[in-house]
C-alpha atoms as a PDB file:
ATOM      1  CA  MET A   1      -8.437 -13.743  32.582  1.00  0.00           C
ATOM      2  CA  THR A   2     -10.253 -12.145  35.545  1.00  0.00           C
ATOM      3  CA  ILE A   3      -8.664 -10.184  38.384  1.00  0.00           C
ATOM      4  CA  GLN A   4     -10.054 -10.476  41.900  1.00  0.00           C
ATOM      5  CA  PRO A   5      -8.860  -8.604  45.030  1.00  0.00           C
ATOM      6  CA  ALA A   6      -6.627 -10.555  47.420  1.00  0.00           C
ATOM      7  CA  GLY A   7      -5.688  -8.043  50.100  1.00  0.00           C
ATOM      8  CA  PRO A   8      -3.433  -4.974  50.154  1.00  0.00           C
ATOM      9  CA  GLY A   9      -0.722  -5.117  47.471  1.00  0.00           C
ATOM     10  CA  SER A  10      -1.910  -8.395  46.040  1.00  0.00           C
ATOM     11  CA  GLU A  11      -4.629  -9.844  43.865  1.00  0.00           C
ATOM     12  CA  PHE A  12      -5.727 -13.049  42.193  1.00  0.00           C
ATOM     13  CA  VAL A  13      -5.328 -13.637  38.476  1.00  0.00           C
ATOM     14  CA  THR A  14      -7.712 -16.244  37.108  1.00  0.00           C
ATOM     15  CA  ALA A  15      -5.978 -18.489  34.577  1.00  0.00           C
ATOM     16  CA  SER A  16      -7.746 -19.626  31.410  1.00  0.00           C
ATOM     17  CA  ASP A  17      -8.978 -22.803  33.142  1.00  0.00           C
ATOM     18  CA  GLY A  18     -10.448 -20.895  36.112  1.00  0.00           C
ATOM     19  CA  VAL A  19      -7.675 -21.534  38.649  1.00  0.00           C
ATOM     20  CA  ARG A  20      -6.898 -18.494  40.804  1.00  0.00           C
ATOM     21  CA  LEU A  21      -3.213 -17.580  41.021  1.00  0.00           C
ATOM     22  CA  TRP A  22      -2.072 -15.210  43.765  1.00  0.00           C
ATOM     23  CA  THR A  23       0.148 -12.298  42.730  1.00  0.00           C
ATOM     24  CA  GLY A  24       1.834  -9.545  44.689  1.00  0.00           C
ATOM     25  CA  ARG A  25       3.707  -6.450  43.622  1.00  0.00           C
ATOM     26  CA  HIS A  26       6.706  -5.590  45.778  1.00  0.00           C
ATOM     27  CA  ALA A  27       8.453  -2.789  43.907  1.00  0.00           C
ATOM     28  CA  ASP A  28       7.693  -0.073  41.389  1.00  0.00           C
ATOM     29  CA  GLY A  29      10.656   0.651  39.105  1.00  0.00           C
ATOM     30  CA  PRO A  30      10.991   0.929  35.312  1.00  0.00           C
ATOM     31  CA  ILE A  31      11.994  -2.686  34.471  1.00  0.00           C
ATOM     32  CA  PRO A  32       9.227  -5.353  34.690  1.00  0.00           C
ATOM     33  CA  VAL A  33      10.457  -8.448  36.575  1.00  0.00           C
ATOM     34  CA  ILE A  34       8.518 -11.591  37.496  1.00  0.00           C
ATOM     35  CA  LYS A  35       9.942 -13.641  40.349  1.00  0.00           C
ATOM     36  CA  VAL A  36       9.478 -17.395  39.859  1.00  0.00           C
ATOM     37  CA  HIS A  37       9.828 -19.231  43.174  1.00  0.00           C
ATOM     38  CA  GLY A  38      11.249 -22.688  43.740  1.00  0.00           C
ATOM     39  CA  GLY A  39       9.261 -25.776  44.410  1.00  0.00           C
ATOM     40  CA  PRO A  40       7.004 -27.120  43.132  1.00  0.00           C
ATOM     41  CA  GLY A  41       4.971 -26.942  46.292  1.00  0.00           C
ATOM     42  CA  SER A  42       6.808 -23.928  47.664  1.00  0.00           C
ATOM     43  CA  TRP A  43       5.463 -20.369  47.484  1.00  0.00           C
ATOM     44  CA  ASP A  44       6.605 -16.756  47.357  1.00  0.00           C
ATOM     45  CA  GLU A  45       7.705 -16.008  50.903  1.00  0.00           C
ATOM     46  CA  SER A  46      10.572 -13.538  50.589  1.00  0.00           C
ATOM     47  CA  PRO A  47      10.054  -9.811  49.954  1.00  0.00           C
ATOM     48  CA  GLN A  48      13.858  -9.279  49.978  1.00  0.00           C
ATOM     49  CA  PRO A  49      14.291  -9.156  46.164  1.00  0.00           C
ATOM     50  CA  GLY A  50      11.629  -6.440  46.023  1.00  0.00           C
ATOM     51  CA  ARG A  51      13.556  -4.290  48.461  1.00  0.00           C
ATOM     52  CA  LEU A  52      16.804  -4.859  46.567  1.00  0.00           C
ATOM     53  CA  LEU A  53      15.302  -4.148  43.144  1.00  0.00           C
ATOM     54  CA  SER A  54      12.865  -1.364  44.057  1.00  0.00           C
ATOM     55  CA  ARG A  55      14.875   1.389  42.343  1.00  0.00           C
ATOM     56  CA  TRP A  56      15.167  -0.505  39.062  1.00  0.00           C
ATOM     57  CA  ALA A  57      12.276  -2.905  38.754  1.00  0.00           C
ATOM     58  CA  THR A  58       8.592  -3.478  39.153  1.00  0.00           C
ATOM     59  CA  LEU A  59       8.694  -6.891  40.814  1.00  0.00           C
ATOM     60  CA  THR A  60       5.668  -9.150  40.452  1.00  0.00           C
ATOM     61  CA  CYS A  61       5.665 -12.277  42.604  1.00  0.00           C
ATOM     62  CA  TRP A  62       3.183 -15.136  42.381  1.00  0.00           C
ATOM     63  CA  ASP A  63       2.344 -18.419  44.022  1.00  0.00           C
ATOM     64  CA  GLN A  64       2.366 -21.257  41.520  1.00  0.00           C
ATOM     65  CA  ARG A  65      -0.706 -23.438  41.068  1.00  0.00           C
ATOM     66  CA  GLY A  66      -1.177 -25.727  44.080  1.00  0.00           C
ATOM     67  CA  ALA A  67       1.070 -23.686  46.360  1.00  0.00           C
ATOM     68  CA  GLY A  68       0.766 -20.876  48.872  1.00  0.00           C
ATOM     69  CA  ARG A  69      -2.271 -18.662  48.305  1.00  0.00           C
ATOM     70  CA  SER A  70      -3.078 -20.006  44.817  1.00  0.00           C
ATOM     71  CA  ASP A  71      -5.774 -22.608  44.216  1.00  0.00           C
ATOM     72  CA  ARG A  72      -4.821 -26.244  44.741  1.00  0.00           C
ATOM     73  CA  VAL A  73      -6.256 -27.529  41.473  1.00  0.00           C
ATOM     74  CA  GLY A  74      -4.389 -29.441  38.752  1.00  0.00           C
ATOM     75  CA  PRO A  75      -3.231 -30.206  36.238  1.00  0.00           C
ATOM     76  CA  TYR A  76       0.279 -29.984  37.681  1.00  0.00           C
ATOM     77  CA  SER A  77       2.400 -30.182  34.552  1.00  0.00           C
ATOM     78  CA  LEU A  78       5.272 -28.191  33.159  1.00  0.00           C
ATOM     79  CA  ALA A  79       3.099 -27.102  30.222  1.00  0.00           C
ATOM     80  CA  GLN A  80       0.427 -25.817  32.623  1.00  0.00           C
ATOM     81  CA  SER A  81       3.036 -23.994  34.714  1.00  0.00           C
ATOM     82  CA  VAL A  82       4.345 -22.273  31.572  1.00  0.00           C
ATOM     83  CA  ALA A  83       0.771 -21.269  30.656  1.00  0.00           C
ATOM     84  CA  ASP A  84       0.206 -19.946  34.195  1.00  0.00           C
ATOM     85  CA  LEU A  85       3.414 -17.904  34.023  1.00  0.00           C
ATOM     86  CA  ASP A  86       2.251 -16.443  30.725  1.00  0.00           C
ATOM     87  CA  ALA A  87      -1.068 -15.491  32.349  1.00  0.00           C
ATOM     88  CA  ILE A  88       0.899 -13.650  35.046  1.00  0.00           C
ATOM     89  CA  ARG A  89       3.028 -11.925  32.390  1.00  0.00           C
ATOM     90  CA  THR A  90      -0.082 -10.894  30.469  1.00  0.00           C
ATOM     91  CA  HIS A  91      -1.598  -9.576  33.687  1.00  0.00           C
ATOM     92  CA  THR A  92       1.396  -7.280  34.243  1.00  0.00           C
ATOM     93  CA  GLY A  93       0.540  -5.519  30.986  1.00  0.00           C
ATOM     94  CA  HIS A  94       4.088  -5.872  29.658  1.00  0.00           C
ATOM     95  CA  GLU A  95       4.926  -7.488  26.348  1.00  0.00           C
ATOM     96  CA  ARG A  96       8.454  -8.339  27.558  1.00  0.00           C
ATOM     97  CA  VAL A  97       9.614  -9.106  31.107  1.00  0.00           C
ATOM     98  CA  VAL A  98      12.708 -10.240  32.963  1.00  0.00           C
ATOM     99  CA  LEU A  99      12.272 -13.550  34.809  1.00  0.00           C
ATOM    100  CA  LEU A 100      14.034 -14.012  38.150  1.00  0.00           C
ATOM    101  CA  GLY A 101      13.932 -17.660  39.196  1.00  0.00           C
ATOM    102  CA  HIS A 102      15.594 -19.879  41.748  1.00  0.00           C
ATOM    103  CA  SER A 103      15.693 -23.667  42.077  1.00  0.00           C
ATOM    104  CA  TYR A 104      12.676 -25.112  40.198  1.00  0.00           C
ATOM    105  CA  GLY A 105      11.684 -21.520  39.372  1.00  0.00           C
ATOM    106  CA  ALA A 106      14.878 -21.092  37.333  1.00  0.00           C
ATOM    107  CA  HIS A 107      13.996 -24.238  35.376  1.00  0.00           C
ATOM    108  CA  LEU A 108      10.451 -22.989  34.779  1.00  0.00           C
ATOM    109  CA  ALA A 109      11.763 -19.557  33.713  1.00  0.00           C
ATOM    110  CA  LEU A 110      14.155 -21.211  31.233  1.00  0.00           C
ATOM    111  CA  ILE A 111      11.413 -23.399  29.729  1.00  0.00           C
ATOM    112  CA  TYR A 112       9.163 -20.321  29.498  1.00  0.00           C
ATOM    113  CA  ALA A 113      11.900 -18.364  27.699  1.00  0.00           C
ATOM    114  CA  LEU A 114      12.460 -21.220  25.247  1.00  0.00           C
ATOM    115  CA  THR A 115       8.743 -21.511  24.448  1.00  0.00           C
ATOM    116  CA  HIS A 116       8.113 -17.731  24.408  1.00  0.00           C
ATOM    117  CA  PRO A 117      11.341 -16.328  22.928  1.00  0.00           C
ATOM    118  CA  THR A 118       9.909 -12.894  22.113  1.00  0.00           C
ATOM    119  CA  THR A 119       8.555 -12.169  25.600  1.00  0.00           C
END
């Protein structure tokens, strides 16, 4: 995985297949949290959770493959989305994280938790 700059407070994480995934960090507390947005096709557009969680969490947001600031390159599968989420988790440097998902993001977070039960 390679990290490339993407502007103030954000960067690109390059997934194992070379697709660049945008990430942003919106808070800096003791609990690592990854926000998983809805969609697919939507993107991270709300900094509100970061403001609400800033005392308790380090909130990492990301745009899923094919959405927002991330590359629009397939494959677009649930298995690939789980792998991309794991690349984001690895990038945070934390072995275990809390996932905060809504809509499709909640589904993706649940599938991730079932396939990665120790993270």
